Amino acid sequence: MSSPITNVRPEPDKVLVDIAEYVFNYKIASDEARETARYCLIDTLGCGIEALGYPACTKLLGPVVPGTIVRHGAKVPGTQFQLDPVQAAFNVGAMVRWLDFNDTWLAAEWGHPSDNLGGILATADWLSRTRVANGKAPLMMKTVLEAMIKAHEIQGVMALENAFNRAGLDHVVLVKVASAAVCAWLMGGTKEEIINAVSQAFVDGQSLRTYRHAPNTGSRKSWAAGDATSRAVRLALFSLKGEMGIPGVLTAKGWGFYDALFKGQEFKFQRPYGSYVMEHVLFKISFPAEFHSQTAVECAMILHEKLKRMGKSADDIKKITIRTHEAAIRIIDKKGPLNNPADRDHCIQYMVAVPLIFGRLTARDYEDNVAVDPRIDALRDKIECREDHRFTKDYHDPEKRSIANGLAVELSDGTVLPEVVVEYPIGHRRRRKEGMPFLVEKFRTNLARRFPAKQQKAILDASLDRQKLEAMPVHEYVDLYVI
């Protein structure tokens, strides 16, 4: 019997070509995107610095073989490690994602576009040091910011209409795709080589979302993006060495991504690639909490102060109703026991209970020594979530992209407090002017956790002026963060 399948190699899938065309040819003209990218850079690095205070994170860092130092390799900020770009990408990626405090993108798919900084910074630092060692000009931080804008755009635009979560896949597939594209570009790849790298990212094994959901929530969700951006650097390196791509990786009948992993659906696109995502990205400024809960936590902080003024506390609460959007219910509406910090920072009831009781929510509040307080679970049991369809609609509206939550509290004496509603968190584009001074203060606080005053000042001097930052060689900027 003859095969009905032709062996004529297809042209690359259009999705691959569009990504490569964008990365290779698009010129960043938006001053807002460049300035936001600078804020994103310092915030992401600051999140990584804070994570170095957590042994659960640091135990995963360093070279594969202890003691290995790679000559002209990429350095890992806040440490003494100098590694090959693949392992350095994992280190940086795991650090910045560990505490769930870096930027966020919410759409049909969710994610954290700054996760790509692991691959971008490691690749750029390694390339810059290698160039200088060979008597060539270094790579500049301006190029790093451009790579960040492009990685944000690829991940974010693909997420607008395509719910990988509904196919059981984790959003880090988009980190792998975006990082593969921009890292191949940083390495000097041709359009064909970028296409090949992106095709390899799609054909790769993809992470399941199992580790993000009860009852299997675990710490892998804190290093999964580091793994993805690291894998992307490896695939980009393969492609630059001439490894062939898989042109029909998405559309191949039966064997392609669409049929095998995406329930037979093709990707949908709301808009062409530009700089939209970086301009609209959401910063986590006030609380290290899953982003769908950010406004709920802000409401809880307001209510904590109101109860204090009334001479009451969380002990006087009989019932709490959280009016929220569908994505929050699907991801973080969680009853029952919470087994670890990764479980707790994806439970909206926990993230509301803690600020109502203590008037704060920090990364330390997810640890066991805080979670054992019996008041937290007692209050969690009094909290119910319900969807507001308007909140869900505004969440998906490209002109609004709200993340609204409302908290209604009934006290044991029958008093019903007026509902507190916050539609846009402080890290939203609509509150950008209000939020950026707090973001810079967050960065200062994180630097002070790790570096002496003189080193803090050097980092701030280089980071808070975009023209100065863009003109710095990448390796010189990274060196400012070395212990």
Protein backbone atom coordinates (compact mmCIF):
# COMPACT_ATOMS: atom_id res chain seq x y z
CA MET A 1 0.00 0.00 0.00
CA SER A 2 1.44 3.38 -0.97
CA SER A 3 1.65 6.21 1.56
CA PRO A 4 -0.92 9.01 1.05
CA ILE A 5 1.47 11.47 2.69
CA THR A 6 3.77 13.48 0.43
CA ASN A 7 7.45 13.68 1.35
CA VAL A 8 7.82 17.18 -0.09
CA ARG A 9 9.14 19.34 2.74
CA PRO A 10 6.64 22.16 3.47
CA GLU A 11 7.29 25.84 3.68
CA PRO A 12 7.61 27.05 7.32
CA ASP A 13 4.32 27.62 9.09
CA LYS A 14 3.18 31.23 8.89
CA VAL A 15 3.27 31.63 12.69
CA LEU A 16 7.00 30.83 12.66
CA VAL A 17 7.68 33.20 9.78
CA ASP A 18 5.74 36.05 11.39
CA ILE A 19 7.75 35.73 14.61
CA ALA A 20 11.06 35.64 12.75
CA GLU A 21 10.11 38.60 10.54
CA TYR A 22 9.18 40.62 13.61
CA VAL A 23 12.32 39.79 15.59
CA PHE A 24 14.64 40.28 12.63
CA ASN A 25 13.16 43.44 11.10
CA TYR A 26 11.01 45.35 13.59
CA LYS A 27 12.45 48.64 14.85
CA ILE A 28 11.33 49.74 18.32
CA ALA A 29 9.99 53.28 17.85
CA SER A 30 7.95 53.57 21.05
CA ASP A 31 9.62 55.65 23.73
CA GLU A 32 7.01 54.41 26.21
CA ALA A 33 8.00 50.81 25.49
CA ARG A 34 11.70 51.56 25.98
CA GLU A 35 11.10 53.37 29.26
CA THR A 36 8.77 50.63 30.50
CA ALA A 37 11.41 48.05 29.54
CA ARG A 38 13.91 49.86 31.77
CA TYR A 39 11.49 49.68 34.68
CA CYS A 40 10.88 46.02 33.84
CA LEU A 41 14.62 45.29 33.84
CA ILE A 42 15.25 46.73 37.30
CA ASP A 43 12.10 45.24 38.78
CA THR A 44 12.90 41.78 37.42
CA LEU A 45 16.48 41.86 38.67
CA GLY A 46 15.26 43.13 42.04
CA CYS A 47 12.86 40.21 42.32
CA GLY A 48 15.76 37.85 41.62
CA ILE A 49 17.89 39.50 44.30
CA GLU A 50 15.11 39.09 46.87
CA ALA A 51 14.76 35.39 45.98
CA LEU A 52 18.40 34.82 46.95
CA GLY A 53 17.28 35.04 50.57
CA TYR A 54 15.33 31.79 50.18
CA PRO A 55 17.29 28.50 50.48
CA ALA A 56 14.64 26.64 48.49
CA CYS A 57 15.69 28.79 45.53
CA THR A 58 19.44 29.03 46.06
CA LYS A 59 19.85 25.26 46.40
CA LEU A 60 18.98 24.97 42.70
CA LEU A 61 21.46 27.62 41.53
CA GLY A 62 25.05 27.42 40.36
CA PRO A 63 26.80 25.21 37.80
CA VAL A 64 25.72 21.65 37.07
CA VAL A 65 29.13 20.48 38.30
CA PRO A 66 29.93 22.35 41.55
CA GLY A 67 32.91 24.66 41.30
CA THR A 68 32.78 25.05 37.53
CA ILE A 69 33.61 28.54 36.24
CA VAL A 70 33.21 29.27 32.54
CA ARG A 71 35.73 31.67 31.08
CA HIS A 72 33.91 34.56 29.41
CA GLY A 73 30.65 32.98 30.61
CA ALA A 74 27.58 34.82 31.82
CA LYS A 75 27.54 36.02 35.41
CA VAL A 76 24.55 35.49 37.68
CA PRO A 77 23.52 38.74 39.46
CA GLY A 78 23.84 38.67 43.23
CA THR A 79 26.15 35.64 43.21
CA GLN A 80 29.72 34.66 42.35
CA PHE A 81 28.65 32.24 39.61
CA GLN A 82 30.00 32.57 36.06
CA LEU A 83 28.36 29.93 33.88
CA ASP A 84 27.68 28.86 30.33
CA PRO A 85 24.69 30.78 28.92
CA VAL A 86 22.31 27.80 29.14
CA GLN A 87 22.85 27.22 32.85
CA ALA A 88 23.08 30.95 33.56
CA ALA A 89 19.68 31.41 31.90
CA PHE A 90 18.20 28.81 34.26
CA ASN A 91 19.76 30.53 37.28
CA VAL A 92 18.48 34.00 36.39
CA GLY A 93 15.11 32.67 35.26
CA ALA A 94 14.54 30.69 38.46
CA MET A 95 15.57 33.64 40.64
CA VAL A 96 13.25 36.17 39.03
CA ARG A 97 10.21 33.85 39.11
CA TRP A 98 10.72 32.33 42.53
CA LEU A 99 8.63 34.69 44.64
CA ASP A 100 5.88 35.38 42.07
CA PHE A 101 6.70 39.08 42.22
CA ASN A 102 7.81 39.93 38.65
CA ASP A 103 5.60 41.35 35.91
CA THR A 104 2.44 39.70 34.59
CA TRP A 105 0.36 39.45 31.44
CA LEU A 106 -3.30 38.41 31.62
CA ALA A 107 -5.41 37.37 28.66
CA ALA A 108 -6.77 34.06 27.34
CA GLU A 109 -3.39 32.76 28.55
CA TRP A 110 -1.52 34.09 31.55
CA GLY A 111 2.17 34.45 32.16
CA HIS A 112 5.12 36.58 33.13
CA PRO A 113 6.94 38.01 30.11
CA SER A 114 9.96 39.10 32.14
CA ASP A 115 10.69 35.39 32.66
CA ASN A 116 12.45 35.75 29.30
CA LEU A 117 15.12 37.91 30.94
CA GLY A 118 16.86 34.72 32.07
CA GLY A 119 17.72 33.78 28.50
CA ILE A 120 18.13 37.33 27.26
CA LEU A 121 20.54 38.54 29.95
CA ALA A 122 22.60 35.34 30.04
CA THR A 123 22.95 35.28 26.26
CA ALA A 124 23.75 38.99 25.98
CA ASP A 125 26.27 38.91 28.85
CA TRP A 126 28.07 35.87 27.43
CA LEU A 127 28.15 37.41 23.94
CA SER A 128 29.42 40.74 25.28
CA ARG A 129 32.25 39.16 27.28
CA THR A 130 33.20 36.91 24.37
CA ARG A 131 33.27 39.80 21.93
CA VAL A 132 35.53 41.87 24.16
CA ALA A 133 37.84 38.88 24.70
CA ASN A 134 38.16 38.60 20.91
CA GLY A 135 38.89 42.29 20.43
CA LYS A 136 35.40 43.20 19.23
CA ALA A 137 32.84 45.74 20.41
CA PRO A 138 30.63 44.62 23.31
CA LEU A 139 26.88 44.20 23.20
CA MET A 140 25.03 47.19 24.67
CA MET A 141 22.17 47.34 27.15
CA LYS A 142 20.07 49.11 24.52
CA THR A 143 19.94 45.79 22.68
CA VAL A 144 18.88 44.00 25.88
CA LEU A 145 15.94 46.39 26.27
CA GLU A 146 14.98 45.83 22.63
CA ALA A 147 15.14 42.06 23.13
CA MET A 148 12.95 42.38 26.21
CA ILE A 149 10.33 44.38 24.28
CA LYS A 150 10.28 41.78 21.51
CA ALA A 151 10.10 38.80 23.88
CA HIS A 152 7.27 40.48 25.80
CA GLU A 153 5.46 41.09 22.52
CA ILE A 154 5.75 37.53 21.22
CA GLN A 155 4.64 35.96 24.48
CA GLY A 156 1.90 38.49 25.13
CA VAL A 157 0.35 38.69 21.65
CA MET A 158 0.22 34.90 21.40
CA ALA A 159 -1.45 34.82 24.82
CA LEU A 160 -4.23 37.26 23.88
CA GLU A 161 -6.44 34.72 22.10
CA ASN A 162 -4.83 31.33 22.78
CA ALA A 163 -5.56 29.55 26.06
CA PHE A 164 -2.82 26.97 26.43
CA ASN A 165 -4.14 26.37 29.96
CA ARG A 166 -7.39 24.95 28.55
CA ALA A 167 -5.31 22.34 26.74
CA GLY A 168 -3.58 21.47 30.02
CA LEU A 169 -0.32 23.15 29.00
CA ASP A 170 1.64 25.55 31.16
CA HIS A 171 2.21 29.10 29.94
CA VAL A 172 5.99 28.61 30.01
CA VAL A 173 5.69 27.18 26.49
CA LEU A 174 5.44 30.84 25.42
CA VAL A 175 8.58 31.72 27.38
CA LYS A 176 10.43 29.01 25.48
CA VAL A 177 9.12 30.25 22.12
CA ALA A 178 9.81 33.95 22.80
CA SER A 179 13.24 33.32 24.33
CA ALA A 180 14.26 31.03 21.47
CA ALA A 181 13.38 33.74 18.94
CA VAL A 182 15.10 36.68 20.61
CA CYS A 183 18.15 34.71 21.80
CA ALA A 184 18.74 33.42 18.27
CA TRP A 185 18.49 37.04 17.11
CA LEU A 186 20.95 38.20 19.79
CA MET A 187 23.37 35.52 18.62
CA GLY A 188 23.26 37.00 15.12
CA GLY A 189 20.89 34.46 13.61
CA THR A 190 19.41 34.84 10.16
CA LYS A 191 15.64 34.80 9.66
CA GLU A 192 15.89 31.14 8.70
CA GLU A 193 17.85 30.32 11.84
CA ILE A 194 15.30 32.17 14.00
CA ILE A 195 12.50 30.19 12.31
CA ASN A 196 14.39 26.98 13.03
CA ALA A 197 14.89 27.89 16.69
CA VAL A 198 11.21 28.74 17.17
CA SER A 199 10.15 25.51 15.46
CA GLN A 200 12.39 23.56 17.83
CA ALA A 201 10.76 25.32 20.78
CA PHE A 202 7.30 24.27 19.61
CA VAL A 203 8.25 20.65 18.87
CA ASP A 204 9.94 20.29 22.25
CA GLY A 205 8.17 18.53 25.10
CA GLN A 206 5.88 21.06 26.81
CA SER A 207 5.20 21.39 30.53
CA LEU A 208 1.85 20.35 31.95
CA ARG A 209 0.07 22.73 34.32
CA THR A 210 -0.23 19.99 36.95
CA TYR A 211 2.18 21.68 39.34
CA ARG A 212 0.12 24.88 39.41
CA HIS A 213 -3.17 23.35 40.54
CA ALA A 214 -4.57 21.63 43.60
CA PRO A 215 -3.90 19.04 44.83
CA ASN A 216 -0.50 18.90 43.08
CA THR A 217 0.66 22.51 43.48
CA GLY A 218 4.38 22.58 44.11
CA SER A 219 7.63 24.47 43.86
CA ARG A 220 8.27 23.47 40.25
CA LYS A 221 6.08 26.41 39.28
CA SER A 222 8.83 28.63 40.68
CA TRP A 223 11.55 27.27 38.38
CA ALA A 224 9.53 26.13 35.37
CA ALA A 225 10.09 29.40 33.52
CA GLY A 226 13.82 29.25 34.28
CA ASP A 227 13.82 25.80 32.72
CA ALA A 228 11.94 27.09 29.67
CA THR A 229 14.15 30.11 28.99
CA SER A 230 17.25 27.97 29.55
CA ARG A 231 16.02 25.37 27.09
CA ALA A 232 15.36 28.15 24.59
CA VAL A 233 19.01 29.26 24.76
CA ARG A 234 20.13 25.70 24.06
CA LEU A 235 17.78 25.40 21.08
CA ALA A 236 18.94 28.77 19.72
CA LEU A 237 22.56 27.63 19.99
CA PHE A 238 21.70 24.43 18.09
CA SER A 239 20.04 26.45 15.34
CA LEU A 240 23.03 28.78 15.01
CA LYS A 241 25.19 25.69 14.56
CA GLY A 242 23.11 24.68 11.55
CA GLU A 243 20.58 22.32 13.13
CA MET A 244 17.61 22.07 10.78
CA GLY A 245 14.15 23.23 11.81
CA ILE A 246 10.77 21.54 11.60
CA PRO A 247 8.83 23.78 9.19
CA GLY A 248 5.43 22.12 9.67
CA VAL A 249 5.74 21.82 13.44
CA LEU A 250 2.35 23.42 14.02
CA THR A 251 0.25 22.25 11.11
CA ALA A 252 1.50 18.72 10.34
CA LYS A 253 -1.53 16.44 10.25
CA GLY A 254 -1.65 14.25 13.34
CA TRP A 255 1.91 14.97 14.42
CA GLY A 256 1.91 18.77 14.63
CA PHE A 257 1.41 20.95 17.69
CA TYR A 258 -2.18 21.83 16.77
CA ASP A 259 -3.37 18.22 16.48
CA ALA A 260 -1.18 16.65 19.14
CA LEU A 261 -1.31 19.30 21.88
CA PHE A 262 -3.88 22.00 21.04
CA LYS A 263 -7.06 20.02 20.47
CA GLY A 264 -6.87 20.54 16.71
CA GLN A 265 -7.23 24.32 17.01
CA GLU A 266 -5.01 26.78 15.14
CA PHE A 267 -3.61 29.84 16.90
CA LYS A 268 -5.67 33.02 16.69
CA PHE A 269 -4.21 36.51 16.67
CA GLN A 270 -5.85 39.73 17.78
CA ARG A 271 -3.15 42.11 16.58
CA PRO A 272 0.22 42.19 14.76
CA TYR A 273 3.48 42.26 16.70
CA GLY A 274 4.67 45.70 17.78
CA SER A 275 5.29 47.05 21.29
CA TYR A 276 1.77 46.79 22.75
CA VAL A 277 2.61 44.24 25.44
CA MET A 278 5.51 46.07 27.03
CA GLU A 279 3.44 49.26 27.05
CA HIS A 280 0.54 47.51 28.80
CA VAL A 281 2.40 45.01 30.99
CA LEU A 282 1.31 44.67 34.61
CA PHE A 283 3.83 45.20 37.40
CA LYS A 284 3.53 43.56 40.80
CA ILE A 285 4.46 46.41 43.06
CA SER A 286 2.63 46.10 46.35
CA PHE A 287 2.26 42.38 46.96
CA PRO A 288 4.04 39.14 45.97
CA ALA A 289 0.75 37.50 45.02
CA GLU A 290 -0.70 35.79 41.96
CA PHE A 291 -1.88 38.70 39.85
CA HIS A 292 -5.57 37.86 39.71
CA SER A 293 -5.59 38.51 43.48
CA GLN A 294 -3.70 41.82 43.50
CA THR A 295 -6.78 44.03 43.71
CA ALA A 296 -8.39 41.67 46.24
CA VAL A 297 -5.35 42.04 48.49
CA GLU A 298 -5.53 45.82 48.11
CA CYS A 299 -9.21 45.66 49.14
CA ALA A 300 -8.26 43.53 52.14
CA MET A 301 -5.65 46.07 53.22
CA ILE A 302 -8.26 48.84 53.05
CA LEU A 303 -10.70 46.76 55.10
CA HIS A 304 -8.04 45.91 57.69
CA GLU A 305 -7.57 49.63 58.36
CA LYS A 306 -11.33 50.21 58.43
CA LEU A 307 -11.82 47.44 61.00
CA LYS A 308 -8.99 48.89 63.11
CA ARG A 309 -10.69 52.32 63.12
CA MET A 310 -13.92 50.62 64.22
CA GLY A 311 -12.12 48.94 67.11
CA LYS A 312 -12.61 45.54 65.50
CA SER A 313 -10.43 42.89 63.86
CA ALA A 314 -10.61 39.88 61.57
CA ASP A 315 -11.88 37.89 64.57
CA ASP A 316 -15.17 39.83 64.28
CA ILE A 317 -15.81 38.73 60.69
CA LYS A 318 -18.69 36.34 60.03
CA LYS A 319 -18.56 36.16 56.21
CA ILE A 320 -16.57 37.55 53.27
CA THR A 321 -17.76 37.52 49.66
CA ILE A 322 -15.23 38.13 46.91
CA ARG A 323 -16.78 39.40 43.69
CA THR A 324 -14.27 38.54 41.00
CA HIS A 325 -13.61 37.49 37.40
CA GLU A 326 -13.71 34.00 35.91
CA ALA A 327 -9.95 33.54 35.59
CA ALA A 328 -9.46 34.14 39.31
CA ILE A 329 -12.04 31.50 40.18
CA ARG A 330 -10.44 29.01 37.81
CA ILE A 331 -6.87 29.55 39.05
CA ILE A 332 -6.85 30.65 42.69
CA ASP A 333 -10.25 29.90 44.27
CA LYS A 334 -9.06 27.12 46.55
CA LYS A 335 -10.52 25.31 49.55
CA GLY A 336 -8.96 22.69 51.81
CA PRO A 337 -5.42 22.26 53.13
CA LEU A 338 -2.54 24.25 51.69
CA ASN A 339 0.65 22.21 51.73
CA ASN A 340 3.48 24.62 50.87
CA PRO A 341 4.26 28.24 49.91
CA ALA A 342 3.54 27.50 46.25
CA ASP A 343 0.08 26.29 47.26
CA ARG A 344 -0.60 29.36 49.39
CA ASP A 345 0.42 32.02 46.86
CA HIS A 346 -2.18 30.58 44.47
CA CYS A 347 -5.08 30.68 46.93
CA ILE A 348 -7.10 33.90 46.90
CA GLN A 349 -8.66 33.07 50.27
CA TYR A 350 -5.19 32.85 51.87
CA MET A 351 -4.01 36.03 50.17
CA VAL A 352 -7.05 37.92 51.47
CA ALA A 353 -7.01 36.39 54.97
CA VAL A 354 -3.41 37.34 55.76
CA PRO A 355 -3.76 41.10 55.16
CA LEU A 356 -7.13 41.16 56.93
CA ILE A 357 -5.47 39.64 60.01
CA PHE A 358 -2.00 41.20 59.92
CA GLY A 359 -2.31 44.26 57.69
CA ARG A 360 0.43 42.99 55.34
CA LEU A 361 1.25 40.40 52.70
CA THR A 362 4.93 39.66 52.09
CA ALA A 363 6.82 36.72 50.62
CA ARG A 364 7.56 35.51 54.15
CA ASP A 365 3.84 35.21 54.85
CA TYR A 366 3.63 32.11 52.65
CA GLU A 367 6.13 30.23 54.79
CA ASP A 368 5.11 27.52 57.28
CA ASN A 369 5.82 29.57 60.39
CA VAL A 370 3.11 32.06 59.39
CA ALA A 371 0.71 29.59 57.82
CA VAL A 372 0.38 27.61 61.07
CA ASP A 373 -1.54 30.51 62.65
CA PRO A 374 -5.03 28.97 63.08
CA ARG A 375 -6.74 32.31 62.42
CA ILE A 376 -5.78 32.13 58.74
CA ASP A 377 -7.58 28.88 57.95
CA ALA A 378 -10.50 29.89 60.16
CA LEU A 379 -10.93 33.06 58.09
CA ARG A 380 -10.38 31.22 54.80
CA ASP A 381 -13.39 29.06 55.62
CA LYS A 382 -15.56 32.19 55.80
CA ILE A 383 -14.60 33.40 52.30
CA GLU A 384 -16.64 32.64 49.18
CA CYS A 385 -15.93 33.71 45.59
CA ARG A 386 -18.48 34.44 42.93
CA GLU A 387 -18.04 35.59 39.35
CA ASP A 388 -19.14 39.02 38.19
CA HIS A 389 -19.64 38.77 34.44
CA ARG A 390 -18.84 42.45 33.94
CA PHE A 391 -15.50 41.93 35.67
CA THR A 392 -14.83 38.99 33.35
CA LYS A 393 -15.78 41.04 30.28
CA ASP A 394 -13.56 43.97 31.31
CA TYR A 395 -10.72 41.55 32.03
CA HIS A 396 -10.69 40.53 28.35
CA ASP A 397 -11.43 44.01 26.92
CA PRO A 398 -8.18 45.15 25.18
CA GLU A 399 -8.97 48.77 26.04
CA LYS A 400 -9.46 48.04 29.75
CA ARG A 401 -7.68 44.80 30.74
CA SER A 402 -8.94 45.26 34.29
CA ILE A 403 -8.28 42.76 37.09
CA ALA A 404 -11.20 43.70 39.30
CA ASN A 405 -12.11 42.35 42.72
CA GLY A 406 -14.67 43.47 45.28
CA LEU A 407 -14.77 42.43 48.95
CA ALA A 408 -17.98 42.50 50.97
CA VAL A 409 -17.67 41.83 54.72
CA GLU A 410 -20.39 40.91 57.18
CA LEU A 411 -19.50 41.06 60.88
CA SER A 412 -20.69 38.74 63.63
CA ASP A 413 -22.87 41.49 65.13
CA GLY A 414 -24.81 41.79 61.85
CA THR A 415 -23.00 44.87 60.56
CA VAL A 416 -22.45 44.79 56.79
CA LEU A 417 -19.54 46.92 55.64
CA PRO A 418 -19.81 48.74 52.29
CA GLU A 419 -18.18 46.66 49.56
CA VAL A 420 -14.65 47.73 48.66
CA VAL A 421 -13.89 47.44 44.94
CA VAL A 422 -10.56 47.93 43.15
CA GLU A 423 -10.61 47.41 39.39
CA TYR A 424 -7.02 48.25 38.44
CA PRO A 425 -3.98 47.33 40.57
CA ILE A 426 -1.25 49.86 41.15
CA GLY A 427 0.97 48.09 38.59
CA HIS A 428 -1.57 48.60 35.77
CA ARG A 429 -0.89 50.96 32.89
CA ARG A 430 -3.83 53.12 34.05
CA ARG A 431 -1.97 53.67 37.35
CA ARG A 432 1.56 53.78 35.86
CA LYS A 433 2.37 57.32 37.02
CA GLU A 434 1.22 56.47 40.53
CA GLY A 435 3.04 53.14 40.59
CA MET A 436 6.52 53.79 39.22
CA PRO A 437 7.91 55.62 42.27
CA PHE A 438 6.86 52.62 44.37
CA LEU A 439 8.48 50.25 41.85
CA VAL A 440 11.77 52.14 42.16
CA GLU A 441 11.49 51.97 45.94
CA LYS A 442 10.89 48.22 45.68
CA PHE A 443 14.11 47.99 43.63
CA ARG A 444 16.05 49.99 46.25
CA THR A 445 14.75 47.74 49.00
CA ASN A 446 15.80 44.61 47.12
CA LEU A 447 19.28 45.97 46.39
CA ALA A 448 19.74 46.71 50.09
CA ARG A 449 19.08 43.05 50.88
CA ARG A 450 22.26 41.99 49.10
CA PHE A 451 24.71 44.80 48.41
CA PRO A 452 26.71 47.35 50.42
CA ALA A 453 25.77 51.02 50.09
CA LYS A 454 28.48 51.89 47.56
CA GLN A 455 27.45 49.05 45.24
CA GLN A 456 23.78 49.97 45.59
CA LYS A 457 24.58 53.52 44.51
CA ALA A 458 26.54 52.32 41.45
CA ILE A 459 23.64 50.11 40.36
CA LEU A 460 21.09 52.88 40.87
CA ASP A 461 23.22 55.44 39.01
CA ALA A 462 23.40 53.10 36.02
CA SER A 463 19.77 51.99 36.15
CA LEU A 464 17.66 55.09 36.75
CA ASP A 465 18.79 57.04 33.67
CA ARG A 466 17.75 55.29 30.48
CA GLN A 467 20.28 57.02 28.23
CA LYS A 468 23.10 56.03 30.56
CA LEU A 469 21.76 52.48 30.83
CA GLU A 470 21.35 51.99 27.09
CA ALA A 471 24.91 53.15 26.46
CA MET A 472 26.47 50.62 28.87
CA PRO A 473 28.10 47.39 27.69
CA VAL A 474 26.03 44.47 28.94
CA HIS A 475 28.89 42.80 30.82
CA GLU A 476 29.75 46.04 32.63
CA TYR A 477 26.17 46.44 33.79
CA VAL A 478 25.98 42.83 34.99
CA ASP A 479 29.29 43.24 36.80
CA LEU A 480 27.65 45.88 38.99
CA TYR A 481 25.55 43.09 40.53
CA VAL A 482 28.36 40.63 41.21
CA ILE A 483 29.11 39.76 44.83
